[in-house]
Amino acid sequence: MKQLVLAIGGLYGMTSVILGAFGAHAFKKILPAEKLASFETGVKYQMYHALLLVAIGLFLQFQTTLEKSAAWCIIAGTFIFSVSIYLLSFADHWGANLKWLGPITPLGGLFMIVGWVLLIFYFVKRN
């Protein structure tokens, strides 16, 4: 589990740098300002949680359900939150009706919050 969390953290970090670069350069030409701002929000949250995954991958042992659940919530939540924002940002450009993703984005955010709450419980319980 430790290696998986570190690998996913690295993957999320790498892809957020790549997407951030595209957002700062190539996507500025094709996305309206408000869609680009949403896209950048997805990139920021992806990077924040990539760093968190690397940190917990380095410091946690993943021997308890609490540790494992926190990691899985952060992994899933980050993916759902950021990818849904990326897709929604491009929906108009692609001419696709992706409005159904609107309610999905907060679910990703909820998973991230639950992951943080589980980490808090782990840290409090540990001491």
N, C-alpha and C. Protein backbone atom coordinates (compact mmCIF):
# COMPACT_ATOMS: atom_id res chain seq x y z
N MET A 1 0.84 -1.20 0.00
CA MET A 1 0.00 0.00 0.00
C MET A 1 0.87 1.25 0.00
N LYS A 2 1.95 1.22 0.76
CA LYS A 2 2.84 2.37 0.87
C LYS A 2 3.37 2.77 -0.51
N GLN A 3 3.85 1.77 -1.27
CA GLN A 3 4.41 2.05 -2.60
C GLN A 3 3.33 2.57 -3.56
N LEU A 4 2.13 2.03 -3.43
CA LEU A 4 1.02 2.47 -4.29
C LEU A 4 0.67 3.93 -4.01
N VAL A 5 0.58 4.29 -2.74
CA VAL A 5 0.26 5.68 -2.36
C VAL A 5 1.35 6.62 -2.88
N LEU A 6 2.60 6.23 -2.72
CA LEU A 6 3.70 7.06 -3.22
C LEU A 6 3.65 7.19 -4.74
N ALA A 7 3.38 6.09 -5.43
CA ALA A 7 3.31 6.12 -6.89
C ALA A 7 2.16 7.00 -7.38
N ILE A 8 1.00 6.87 -6.74
CA ILE A 8 -0.15 7.69 -7.15
C ILE A 8 0.12 9.15 -6.82
N GLY A 9 0.72 9.42 -5.66
CA GLY A 9 1.10 10.79 -5.33
C GLY A 9 2.03 11.38 -6.38
N GLY A 10 3.02 10.60 -6.80
CA GLY A 10 3.94 11.05 -7.85
C GLY A 10 3.22 11.27 -9.17
N LEU A 11 2.33 10.36 -9.53
CA LEU A 11 1.56 10.48 -10.77
C LEU A 11 0.68 11.73 -10.75
N TYR A 12 -0.02 11.94 -9.62
CA TYR A 12 -0.86 13.13 -9.50
C TYR A 12 -0.02 14.40 -9.57
N GLY A 13 1.15 14.40 -8.93
CA GLY A 13 2.02 15.57 -8.97
C GLY A 13 2.50 15.85 -10.38
N MET A 14 2.99 14.82 -11.06
CA MET A 14 3.48 14.97 -12.43
C MET A 14 2.39 15.49 -13.36
N THR A 15 1.22 14.87 -13.31
CA THR A 15 0.16 15.29 -14.22
C THR A 15 -0.36 16.69 -13.89
N SER A 16 -0.31 17.08 -12.63
CA SER A 16 -0.75 18.45 -12.30
C SER A 16 0.23 19.48 -12.84
N VAL A 17 1.52 19.17 -12.85
CA VAL A 17 2.50 20.08 -13.45
C VAL A 17 2.27 20.19 -14.96
N ILE A 18 2.07 19.05 -15.60
CA ILE A 18 1.82 19.04 -17.05
C ILE A 18 0.56 19.83 -17.38
N LEU A 19 -0.53 19.52 -16.67
CA LEU A 19 -1.80 20.21 -16.94
C LEU A 19 -1.72 21.69 -16.60
N GLY A 20 -1.00 22.01 -15.53
CA GLY A 20 -0.82 23.42 -15.17
C GLY A 20 -0.08 24.18 -16.26
N ALA A 21 0.92 23.55 -16.86
CA ALA A 21 1.66 24.19 -17.95
C ALA A 21 0.77 24.40 -19.17
N PHE A 22 -0.02 23.38 -19.50
CA PHE A 22 -0.95 23.54 -20.62
C PHE A 22 -1.96 24.63 -20.32
N GLY A 23 -2.44 24.68 -19.07
CA GLY A 23 -3.41 25.71 -18.69
C GLY A 23 -2.84 27.11 -18.78
N ALA A 24 -1.57 27.25 -18.44
CA ALA A 24 -0.93 28.57 -18.46
C ALA A 24 -0.58 29.02 -19.88
N HIS A 25 -0.52 28.08 -20.79
CA HIS A 25 -0.09 28.45 -22.15
C HIS A 25 -1.13 28.07 -23.20
N ALA A 26 -1.22 26.82 -23.55
CA ALA A 26 -2.07 26.39 -24.67
C ALA A 26 -3.55 26.60 -24.41
N PHE A 27 -4.02 26.28 -23.20
CA PHE A 27 -5.46 26.35 -22.95
C PHE A 27 -5.97 27.78 -22.83
N LYS A 28 -5.06 28.75 -22.57
CA LYS A 28 -5.47 30.16 -22.51
C LYS A 28 -6.09 30.61 -23.82
N LYS A 29 -5.67 30.00 -24.90
CA LYS A 29 -6.14 30.39 -26.23
C LYS A 29 -7.49 29.80 -26.57
N ILE A 30 -7.89 28.75 -25.87
CA ILE A 30 -9.14 28.08 -26.27
C ILE A 30 -10.23 28.08 -25.19
N LEU A 31 -9.88 28.42 -23.96
CA LEU A 31 -10.88 28.43 -22.89
C LEU A 31 -11.17 29.85 -22.43
N PRO A 32 -12.45 30.15 -22.18
CA PRO A 32 -12.77 31.45 -21.59
C PRO A 32 -12.18 31.56 -20.18
N ALA A 33 -12.01 32.78 -19.71
CA ALA A 33 -11.35 33.03 -18.42
C ALA A 33 -11.98 32.26 -17.26
N GLU A 34 -13.32 32.19 -17.19
CA GLU A 34 -13.96 31.51 -16.06
C GLU A 34 -13.73 30.00 -16.13
N LYS A 35 -13.69 29.43 -17.33
CA LYS A 35 -13.41 27.99 -17.47
C LYS A 35 -11.95 27.70 -17.15
N LEU A 36 -11.07 28.60 -17.56
CA LEU A 36 -9.65 28.43 -17.25
C LEU A 36 -9.42 28.52 -15.74
N ALA A 37 -10.13 29.41 -15.07
CA ALA A 37 -10.00 29.52 -13.60
C ALA A 37 -10.46 28.23 -12.93
N SER A 38 -11.54 27.63 -13.42
CA SER A 38 -12.00 26.35 -12.87
C SER A 38 -10.97 25.26 -13.11
N PHE A 39 -10.43 25.23 -14.33
CA PHE A 39 -9.40 24.26 -14.67
C PHE A 39 -8.22 24.38 -13.71
N GLU A 40 -7.79 25.62 -13.46
CA GLU A 40 -6.66 25.86 -12.55
C GLU A 40 -6.98 25.43 -11.12
N THR A 41 -8.24 25.54 -10.70
CA THR A 41 -8.64 25.05 -9.38
C THR A 41 -8.43 23.54 -9.31
N GLY A 42 -8.82 22.84 -10.35
CA GLY A 42 -8.60 21.39 -10.38
C GLY A 42 -7.12 21.05 -10.29
N VAL A 43 -6.29 21.80 -11.00
CA VAL A 43 -4.84 21.56 -10.98
C VAL A 43 -4.28 21.81 -9.59
N LYS A 44 -4.70 22.91 -8.96
CA LYS A 44 -4.20 23.23 -7.61
C LYS A 44 -4.55 22.15 -6.60
N TYR A 45 -5.82 21.74 -6.58
CA TYR A 45 -6.24 20.72 -5.63
C TYR A 45 -5.55 19.39 -5.92
N GLN A 46 -5.32 19.09 -7.18
CA GLN A 46 -4.60 17.86 -7.51
C GLN A 46 -3.18 17.91 -6.97
N MET A 47 -2.50 19.06 -7.12
CA MET A 47 -1.14 19.17 -6.61
C MET A 47 -1.10 19.13 -5.09
N TYR A 48 -2.01 19.83 -4.43
CA TYR A 48 -2.04 19.81 -2.97
C TYR A 48 -2.15 18.37 -2.46
N HIS A 49 -3.04 17.62 -3.08
CA HIS A 49 -3.28 16.27 -2.61
C HIS A 49 -2.21 15.29 -3.09
N ALA A 50 -1.53 15.61 -4.17
CA ALA A 50 -0.36 14.82 -4.57
C ALA A 50 0.71 14.93 -3.49
N LEU A 51 0.94 16.13 -3.02
CA LEU A 51 1.93 16.34 -1.97
C LEU A 51 1.52 15.63 -0.68
N LEU A 52 0.23 15.70 -0.37
CA LEU A 52 -0.27 15.01 0.81
C LEU A 52 -0.04 13.50 0.68
N LEU A 53 -0.34 12.94 -0.48
CA LEU A 53 -0.15 11.50 -0.68
C LEU A 53 1.32 11.10 -0.53
N VAL A 54 2.22 11.91 -1.07
CA VAL A 54 3.64 11.61 -0.91
C VAL A 54 4.02 11.68 0.57
N ALA A 55 3.53 12.68 1.28
CA ALA A 55 3.84 12.82 2.70
C ALA A 55 3.33 11.63 3.50
N ILE A 56 2.06 11.27 3.30
CA ILE A 56 1.54 10.14 4.09
C ILE A 56 2.16 8.83 3.62
N GLY A 57 2.52 8.75 2.34
CA GLY A 57 3.21 7.56 1.85
C GLY A 57 4.56 7.38 2.51
N LEU A 58 5.21 8.47 2.82
CA LEU A 58 6.52 8.40 3.47
C LEU A 58 6.41 8.13 4.97
N PHE A 59 5.38 8.65 5.61
CA PHE A 59 5.33 8.61 7.07
C PHE A 59 4.38 7.61 7.68
N LEU A 60 3.36 7.18 6.95
CA LEU A 60 2.42 6.20 7.52
C LEU A 60 2.85 4.79 7.15
N GLN A 61 2.44 3.84 7.95
CA GLN A 61 2.78 2.43 7.69
C GLN A 61 1.64 1.66 7.03
N PHE A 62 0.43 2.21 7.04
CA PHE A 62 -0.76 1.60 6.43
C PHE A 62 -1.06 0.23 7.04
N GLN A 63 -0.93 0.16 8.34
CA GLN A 63 -1.23 -1.07 9.06
C GLN A 63 -2.65 -1.08 9.60
N THR A 64 -3.28 0.10 9.66
CA THR A 64 -4.63 0.17 10.20
C THR A 64 -5.62 0.52 9.10
N THR A 65 -6.86 0.17 9.35
CA THR A 65 -7.94 0.51 8.42
C THR A 65 -8.06 2.03 8.28
N LEU A 66 -7.83 2.74 9.36
CA LEU A 66 -7.93 4.20 9.35
C LEU A 66 -6.92 4.80 8.36
N GLU A 67 -5.68 4.34 8.41
CA GLU A 67 -4.65 4.84 7.49
C GLU A 67 -5.00 4.52 6.04
N LYS A 68 -5.40 3.29 5.81
CA LYS A 68 -5.72 2.85 4.45
C LYS A 68 -6.94 3.60 3.91
N SER A 69 -7.96 3.75 4.75
CA SER A 69 -9.19 4.45 4.32
C SER A 69 -8.91 5.91 4.01
N ALA A 70 -8.09 6.55 4.82
CA ALA A 70 -7.73 7.95 4.56
C ALA A 70 -7.06 8.07 3.20
N ALA A 71 -6.11 7.20 2.93
CA ALA A 71 -5.40 7.24 1.66
C ALA A 71 -6.35 7.01 0.48
N TRP A 72 -7.21 5.99 0.58
CA TRP A 72 -8.12 5.70 -0.52
C TRP A 72 -9.11 6.84 -0.75
N CYS A 73 -9.59 7.46 0.32
CA CYS A 73 -10.51 8.60 0.17
C CYS A 73 -9.81 9.76 -0.54
N ILE A 74 -8.57 10.02 -0.18
CA ILE A 74 -7.83 11.11 -0.82
C ILE A 74 -7.54 10.79 -2.27
N ILE A 75 -7.15 9.56 -2.55
CA ILE A 75 -6.88 9.15 -3.94
C ILE A 75 -8.14 9.28 -4.79
N ALA A 76 -9.23 8.68 -4.33
CA ALA A 76 -10.48 8.72 -5.10
C ALA A 76 -11.04 10.13 -5.20
N GLY A 77 -11.05 10.84 -4.09
CA GLY A 77 -11.60 12.19 -4.08
C GLY A 77 -10.85 13.13 -5.00
N THR A 78 -9.54 13.04 -5.00
CA THR A 78 -8.73 13.90 -5.87
C THR A 78 -9.03 13.61 -7.33
N PHE A 79 -9.10 12.32 -7.67
CA PHE A 79 -9.39 11.94 -9.04
C PHE A 79 -10.77 12.45 -9.47
N ILE A 80 -11.78 12.16 -8.67
CA ILE A 80 -13.15 12.55 -9.02
C ILE A 80 -13.27 14.07 -9.11
N PHE A 81 -12.74 14.78 -8.12
CA PHE A 81 -12.84 16.23 -8.09
C PHE A 81 -12.13 16.87 -9.28
N SER A 82 -10.86 16.57 -9.44
CA SER A 82 -10.07 17.26 -10.47
C SER A 82 -10.48 16.85 -11.88
N VAL A 83 -10.66 15.57 -12.13
CA VAL A 83 -11.01 15.13 -13.49
C VAL A 83 -12.37 15.67 -13.89
N SER A 84 -13.32 15.69 -12.98
CA SER A 84 -14.64 16.24 -13.34
C SER A 84 -14.53 17.73 -13.66
N ILE A 85 -13.69 18.47 -12.93
CA ILE A 85 -13.49 19.89 -13.25
C ILE A 85 -12.83 20.05 -14.61
N TYR A 86 -11.82 19.23 -14.91
CA TYR A 86 -11.16 19.31 -16.21
C TYR A 86 -12.16 19.08 -17.33
N LEU A 87 -12.97 18.06 -17.19
CA LEU A 87 -13.96 17.74 -18.23
C LEU A 87 -15.00 18.85 -18.37
N LEU A 88 -15.49 19.36 -17.24
CA LEU A 88 -16.47 20.45 -17.29
C LEU A 88 -15.88 21.71 -17.91
N SER A 89 -14.59 21.95 -17.69
CA SER A 89 -13.93 23.13 -18.26
C SER A 89 -13.91 23.08 -19.78
N PHE A 90 -13.82 21.88 -20.33
CA PHE A 90 -13.73 21.73 -21.78
C PHE A 90 -15.05 21.38 -22.45
N ALA A 91 -16.10 21.17 -21.69
CA ALA A 91 -17.38 20.72 -22.26
C ALA A 91 -17.88 21.63 -23.38
N ASP A 92 -17.88 22.93 -23.16
CA ASP A 92 -18.36 23.85 -24.20
C ASP A 92 -17.44 23.83 -25.42
N HIS A 93 -16.16 23.81 -25.18
CA HIS A 93 -15.18 23.77 -26.28
C HIS A 93 -15.40 22.53 -27.15
N TRP A 94 -15.70 21.40 -26.52
CA TRP A 94 -15.93 20.16 -27.26
C TRP A 94 -17.36 20.05 -27.79
N GLY A 95 -18.23 20.94 -27.33
CA GLY A 95 -19.64 20.86 -27.71
C GLY A 95 -20.33 19.66 -27.06
N ALA A 96 -19.86 19.27 -25.89
CA ALA A 96 -20.40 18.10 -25.20
C ALA A 96 -21.27 18.54 -24.03
N ASN A 97 -22.33 17.81 -23.80
CA ASN A 97 -23.20 18.08 -22.66
C ASN A 97 -22.72 17.23 -21.48
N LEU A 98 -21.91 17.84 -20.64
CA LEU A 98 -21.37 17.14 -19.48
C LEU A 98 -21.91 17.71 -18.17
N LYS A 99 -23.07 18.36 -18.24
CA LYS A 99 -23.64 18.98 -17.05
C LYS A 99 -23.89 17.96 -15.94
N TRP A 100 -24.08 16.70 -16.29
CA TRP A 100 -24.29 15.66 -15.28
C TRP A 100 -23.07 15.52 -14.36
N LEU A 101 -21.91 16.01 -14.79
CA LEU A 101 -20.72 15.96 -13.95
C LEU A 101 -20.77 17.00 -12.82
N GLY A 102 -21.61 18.01 -12.97
CA GLY A 102 -21.71 19.06 -11.96
C GLY A 102 -21.91 18.54 -10.55
N PRO A 103 -22.86 17.60 -10.33
CA PRO A 103 -23.04 17.05 -8.98
C PRO A 103 -21.94 16.06 -8.58
N ILE A 104 -21.16 15.59 -9.52
CA ILE A 104 -20.10 14.62 -9.22
C ILE A 104 -18.91 15.31 -8.54
N THR A 105 -18.60 16.54 -8.98
CA THR A 105 -17.44 17.27 -8.44
C THR A 105 -17.50 17.40 -6.92
N PRO A 106 -18.63 17.80 -6.33
CA PRO A 106 -18.67 17.89 -4.87
C PRO A 106 -18.48 16.55 -4.17
N LEU A 107 -18.83 15.45 -4.83
CA LEU A 107 -18.59 14.13 -4.23
C LEU A 107 -17.08 13.89 -4.09
N GLY A 108 -16.33 14.32 -5.10
CA GLY A 108 -14.88 14.22 -4.99
C GLY A 108 -14.35 15.06 -3.84
N GLY A 109 -14.89 16.26 -3.71
CA GLY A 109 -14.52 17.13 -2.59
C GLY A 109 -14.87 16.50 -1.25
N LEU A 110 -16.02 15.85 -1.20
CA LEU A 110 -16.44 15.18 0.04
C LEU A 110 -15.48 14.05 0.39
N PHE A 111 -15.07 13.27 -0.59
CA PHE A 111 -14.09 12.21 -0.33
C PHE A 111 -12.77 12.78 0.19
N MET A 112 -12.34 13.91 -0.38
CA MET A 112 -11.10 14.53 0.11
C MET A 112 -11.27 14.97 1.57
N ILE A 113 -12.40 15.57 1.88
CA ILE A 113 -12.66 16.01 3.26
C ILE A 113 -12.67 14.81 4.20
N VAL A 114 -13.34 13.74 3.80
CA VAL A 114 -13.37 12.53 4.64
C VAL A 114 -11.95 12.00 4.84
N GLY A 115 -11.14 12.03 3.80
CA GLY A 115 -9.75 11.60 3.94
C GLY A 115 -9.00 12.42 4.98
N TRP A 116 -9.18 13.73 4.93
CA TRP A 116 -8.55 14.60 5.93
C TRP A 116 -9.07 14.30 7.34
N VAL A 117 -10.37 14.11 7.48
CA VAL A 117 -10.96 13.81 8.78
C VAL A 117 -10.39 12.49 9.32
N LEU A 118 -10.27 11.50 8.46
CA LEU A 118 -9.70 10.22 8.90
C LEU A 118 -8.24 10.39 9.32
N LEU A 119 -7.50 11.23 8.63
CA LEU A 119 -6.12 11.51 9.04
C LEU A 119 -6.08 12.17 10.42
N ILE A 120 -7.00 13.11 10.65
CA ILE A 120 -7.07 13.76 11.96
C ILE A 120 -7.35 12.73 13.05
N PHE A 121 -8.33 11.85 12.79
CA PHE A 121 -8.62 10.79 13.77
C PHE A 121 -7.39 9.92 14.01
N TYR A 122 -6.70 9.58 12.96
CA TYR A 122 -5.49 8.75 13.10
C TYR A 122 -4.45 9.46 13.96
N PHE A 123 -4.22 10.75 13.70
CA PHE A 123 -3.21 11.49 14.46
C PHE A 123 -3.61 11.65 15.93
N VAL A 124 -4.88 11.91 16.18
CA VAL A 124 -5.35 12.08 17.55
C VAL A 124 -5.29 10.74 18.29
N LYS A 125 -5.74 9.69 17.63
CA LYS A 125 -5.76 8.36 18.23
C LYS A 125 -4.34 7.85 18.51
N ARG A 126 -3.42 8.21 17.67
CA ARG A 126 -2.04 7.73 17.76
C ARG A 126 -1.33 8.26 19.01
N ASN A 127 -1.66 9.48 19.40
CA ASN A 127 -0.96 10.08 20.56
C ASN A 127 -1.64 9.75 21.81
